[in-house]
Amino acid sequence: MLEQIDHRGKRFTIVDGSTRDEAGVRRCQRAAALERQAQRELRELEHAKAVAGPAGANPDVEVFNR
């Protein structure tokens, strides 16, 4: 086992392949799922912006002025 400190200062342990950290596996799976969701939402946002077309500096004002 090897103890490390991540970029936030939180301690974590790296274990060899013979020991499985089930909670760590679930966290990794959850993180991967959240990353896929974030990427999907970014693609949807980019698509919505492309469909909506260019807007001025303040699109809300334009909507109210119409």
N, C-alpha and C. Protein backbone atom coordinates (compact mmCIF):
# COMPACT_ATOMS: atom_id res chain seq x y z
N MET A 1 0.84 -1.19 0.00
CA MET A 1 0.00 0.00 0.00
C MET A 1 0.88 1.25 0.00
N LEU A 2 0.38 2.26 -0.68
CA LEU A 2 1.10 3.51 -0.80
C LEU A 2 0.13 4.64 -0.49
N GLU A 3 0.47 5.44 0.51
CA GLU A 3 -0.41 6.54 0.89
C GLU A 3 0.00 7.79 0.13
N GLN A 4 -1.00 8.49 -0.43
CA GLN A 4 -0.77 9.69 -1.21
C GLN A 4 -1.68 10.81 -0.72
N ILE A 5 -1.39 12.03 -1.16
CA ILE A 5 -2.25 13.18 -0.87
C ILE A 5 -2.62 13.79 -2.21
N ASP A 6 -3.94 13.97 -2.45
CA ASP A 6 -4.37 14.52 -3.74
C ASP A 6 -4.23 16.04 -3.74
N HIS A 7 -4.65 16.67 -4.85
CA HIS A 7 -4.49 18.11 -5.02
C HIS A 7 -5.31 18.93 -4.04
N ARG A 8 -6.32 18.31 -3.40
CA ARG A 8 -7.12 19.01 -2.40
C ARG A 8 -6.58 18.83 -0.99
N GLY A 9 -5.53 18.03 -0.85
CA GLY A 9 -4.96 17.77 0.46
C GLY A 9 -5.59 16.57 1.15
N LYS A 10 -6.45 15.84 0.45
CA LYS A 10 -7.11 14.68 1.03
C LYS A 10 -6.22 13.45 0.85
N ARG A 11 -6.09 12.67 1.91
CA ARG A 11 -5.25 11.48 1.86
C ARG A 11 -6.01 10.32 1.21
N PHE A 12 -5.29 9.52 0.45
CA PHE A 12 -5.85 8.30 -0.11
C PHE A 12 -4.76 7.26 -0.20
N THR A 13 -5.16 6.01 -0.31
CA THR A 13 -4.21 4.91 -0.32
C THR A 13 -4.30 4.16 -1.64
N ILE A 14 -3.16 3.89 -2.21
CA ILE A 14 -3.08 3.07 -3.42
C ILE A 14 -2.71 1.67 -2.95
N VAL A 15 -3.54 0.70 -3.33
CA VAL A 15 -3.29 -0.68 -2.92
C VAL A 15 -2.88 -1.49 -4.14
N ASP A 16 -2.25 -2.61 -3.88
CA ASP A 16 -1.82 -3.45 -5.00
C ASP A 16 -3.03 -4.13 -5.63
N GLY A 17 -2.82 -4.82 -6.74
CA GLY A 17 -3.91 -5.43 -7.49
C GLY A 17 -4.63 -6.54 -6.76
N SER A 18 -4.02 -7.11 -5.74
CA SER A 18 -4.66 -8.22 -5.04
C SER A 18 -5.78 -7.76 -4.10
N THR A 19 -5.75 -6.51 -3.70
CA THR A 19 -6.77 -5.97 -2.80
C THR A 19 -7.64 -5.02 -3.60
N ARG A 20 -8.95 -5.22 -3.54
CA ARG A 20 -9.87 -4.36 -4.28
C ARG A 20 -10.62 -3.45 -3.33
N ASP A 21 -10.63 -2.21 -3.64
CA ASP A 21 -11.37 -1.23 -2.86
C ASP A 21 -12.71 -1.01 -3.56
N GLU A 22 -13.73 -1.71 -3.07
CA GLU A 22 -15.05 -1.64 -3.72
C GLU A 22 -15.60 -0.22 -3.73
N ALA A 23 -15.43 0.50 -2.64
CA ALA A 23 -15.91 1.88 -2.59
C ALA A 23 -15.17 2.73 -3.62
N GLY A 24 -13.89 2.50 -3.77
CA GLY A 24 -13.11 3.23 -4.76
C GLY A 24 -13.54 2.92 -6.18
N VAL A 25 -13.86 1.66 -6.43
CA VAL A 25 -14.35 1.26 -7.75
C VAL A 25 -15.67 1.96 -8.05
N ARG A 26 -16.57 2.00 -7.06
CA ARG A 26 -17.86 2.67 -7.25
C ARG A 26 -17.67 4.16 -7.48
N ARG A 27 -16.74 4.79 -6.76
CA ARG A 27 -16.47 6.22 -6.95
C ARG A 27 -15.94 6.47 -8.36
N CYS A 28 -15.07 5.62 -8.83
CA CYS A 28 -14.53 5.78 -10.19
C CYS A 28 -15.63 5.61 -11.24
N GLN A 29 -16.50 4.62 -11.03
CA GLN A 29 -17.60 4.41 -11.96
C GLN A 29 -18.54 5.61 -11.95
N ARG A 30 -18.83 6.14 -10.77
CA ARG A 30 -19.70 7.31 -10.65
C ARG A 30 -19.07 8.52 -11.32
N ALA A 31 -17.77 8.71 -11.11
CA ALA A 31 -17.07 9.83 -11.73
C ALA A 31 -17.10 9.72 -13.25
N ALA A 32 -16.91 8.51 -13.75
CA ALA A 32 -16.95 8.31 -15.20
C ALA A 32 -18.35 8.60 -15.75
N ALA A 33 -19.39 8.16 -15.02
CA ALA A 33 -20.76 8.41 -15.45
C ALA A 33 -21.06 9.91 -15.44
N LEU A 34 -20.60 10.61 -14.42
CA LEU A 34 -20.82 12.06 -14.34
C LEU A 34 -20.07 12.79 -15.46
N GLU A 35 -18.88 12.32 -15.79
CA GLU A 35 -18.12 12.92 -16.89
C GLU A 35 -18.85 12.74 -18.21
N ARG A 36 -19.39 11.54 -18.45
CA ARG A 36 -20.15 11.30 -19.68
C ARG A 36 -21.39 12.20 -19.72
N GLN A 37 -22.07 12.35 -18.57
CA GLN A 37 -23.25 13.21 -18.51
C GLN A 37 -22.87 14.66 -18.81
N ALA A 38 -21.78 15.13 -18.24
CA ALA A 38 -21.34 16.51 -18.47
C ALA A 38 -21.01 16.72 -19.95
N GLN A 39 -20.34 15.76 -20.57
CA GLN A 39 -20.02 15.89 -21.99
C GLN A 39 -21.29 15.91 -22.83
N ARG A 40 -22.26 15.05 -22.49
CA ARG A 40 -23.53 15.01 -23.22
C ARG A 40 -24.26 16.34 -23.08
N GLU A 41 -24.28 16.92 -21.87
CA GLU A 41 -24.95 18.19 -21.66
C GLU A 41 -24.26 19.32 -22.42
N LEU A 42 -22.92 19.28 -22.48
CA LEU A 42 -22.21 20.30 -23.26
C LEU A 42 -22.55 20.20 -24.74
N ARG A 43 -22.62 18.97 -25.27
CA ARG A 43 -23.00 18.79 -26.67
C ARG A 43 -24.41 19.31 -26.91
N GLU A 44 -25.35 19.04 -25.98
CA GLU A 44 -26.72 19.52 -26.12
C GLU A 44 -26.76 21.04 -26.08
N LEU A 45 -25.97 21.65 -25.22
CA LEU A 45 -25.93 23.10 -25.12
C LEU A 45 -25.37 23.71 -26.41
N GLU A 46 -24.29 23.13 -26.94
CA GLU A 46 -23.72 23.62 -28.18
C GLU A 46 -24.73 23.47 -29.33
N HIS A 47 -25.45 22.37 -29.35
CA HIS A 47 -26.46 22.17 -30.38
C HIS A 47 -27.58 23.21 -30.25
N ALA A 48 -28.03 23.46 -29.02
CA ALA A 48 -29.08 24.45 -28.80
C ALA A 48 -28.63 25.84 -29.23
N LYS A 49 -27.37 26.17 -28.96
CA LYS A 49 -26.85 27.47 -29.37
C LYS A 49 -26.79 27.57 -30.89
N ALA A 50 -26.41 26.47 -31.53
CA ALA A 50 -26.33 26.48 -33.00
C ALA A 50 -27.72 26.62 -33.61
N VAL A 51 -28.70 25.97 -33.01
CA VAL A 51 -30.07 26.04 -33.53
C VAL A 51 -30.66 27.43 -33.30
N ALA A 52 -30.37 28.02 -32.15
CA ALA A 52 -30.93 29.32 -31.81
C ALA A 52 -30.33 30.44 -32.66
N GLY A 53 -29.12 30.23 -33.14
CA GLY A 53 -28.49 31.25 -33.97
C GLY A 53 -27.79 32.29 -33.12
N PRO A 54 -27.15 33.23 -33.77
CA PRO A 54 -26.40 34.24 -33.04
C PRO A 54 -27.34 35.20 -32.31
N ALA A 55 -26.93 35.58 -31.12
CA ALA A 55 -27.70 36.54 -30.33
C ALA A 55 -26.80 37.74 -30.06
N GLY A 56 -27.41 38.84 -29.75
CA GLY A 56 -26.64 40.05 -29.44
C GLY A 56 -25.97 39.93 -28.08
N ALA A 57 -25.46 41.05 -27.62
CA ALA A 57 -24.76 41.06 -26.34
C ALA A 57 -25.71 40.79 -25.19
N ASN A 58 -26.99 41.14 -25.36
CA ASN A 58 -27.95 40.93 -24.29
C ASN A 58 -29.24 40.37 -24.89
N PRO A 59 -29.30 39.07 -25.11
CA PRO A 59 -30.46 38.49 -25.80
C PRO A 59 -31.79 38.63 -25.06
N ASP A 60 -31.76 38.74 -23.73
CA ASP A 60 -33.00 38.89 -22.98
C ASP A 60 -33.68 40.20 -23.31
N VAL A 61 -32.91 41.26 -23.51
CA VAL A 61 -33.48 42.56 -23.83
C VAL A 61 -34.12 42.50 -25.20
N GLU A 62 -33.50 41.80 -26.13
CA GLU A 62 -34.06 41.68 -27.47
C GLU A 62 -35.42 40.98 -27.43
N VAL A 63 -35.54 39.98 -26.60
CA VAL A 63 -36.82 39.24 -26.51
C VAL A 63 -37.90 40.15 -25.98
N PHE A 64 -37.58 40.96 -24.95
CA PHE A 64 -38.59 41.85 -24.39
C PHE A 64 -38.96 42.99 -25.32
N ASN A 65 -38.04 43.43 -26.16
CA ASN A 65 -38.31 44.51 -27.08
C ASN A 65 -39.19 44.10 -28.24
N ARG A 66 -39.29 42.83 -28.50
CA ARG A 66 -40.08 42.35 -29.65
C ARG A 66 -41.53 42.45 -29.41
